[in-house]
Amino acid sequence: MGSSSGQYDLSFKILLIGDSGVGKSSLLVSFISGSVDDLAPTIGVDFKIKQLTVDGKRLKLTIWDTAGQERFRTLTSSYYRGAQGIILVYDVTKRETFTNLSEIWANEVNLHSTNQDCVKMLVGNKVDKDSERFVTREEGEVLAKELGCLFFECSATTQKNVHQCFEELALKIMEIPGLLEEGSTVVKRNIIKQKPEHNNSNGGCCS
């Protein structure tokens, strides 16, 4: 009965971006394992894999988590390659992290994202700290519209809306045929890569 963990219908690459300290890693850990201990800042890039079923399809999500610090920005172009979903995270208690999404991170996405159809989502994290909130839900919604993003507010700590974020993103990706092709061809491409060793007749010099 149980399907083996290696089987899935679609594979998606999803990125988490935003300033350092907004809770990108916490969101990811909350989604994957359901608990968030105090996490050290991500150094460079980290990724985790989560398999889930959405709308009857078995999905494999590879979720990449980046360091928000300036000095790691050079890693970005390869990091964005082939991503079907991008989650831009800010902290509702720190206005600067919200401003930076529109002034810095949205530009990074435009600069590096290789998929025109890539689904973007704006996420306001840390809504459990409502008394310290500096960014209203309405402001988040307005920016999401401006940037053409889906919008969620959530809390990695209480897990409020965390699963919904990722599931909604996956559902939206599944509505876009171009992204699905990309998601399913990854496996095929790897198979093709292994073949060429046999025929060395077409030396690459004059192609």
Foldseek 3Di string as FASTA:
>chain_A
DDDDPVDFQWEAEEEEAFAWPLCSVLLVCCQAPNADDDDDADDAKDWDWDWDAAPNGIYIYIYMYGGRDPVNCVPPQVSQELHQEYEYEGEQLDVVRVVCCVVPVLVSCVVRHPDPNRAYEYEHEDCVVVVSGDHDPVNQVVVCVVSVHHYYYYYSHVGGCSNVVVNVSVVSSVVDVVSRVSGPCVVVVVVVVPPPPPDCPCPPPPD
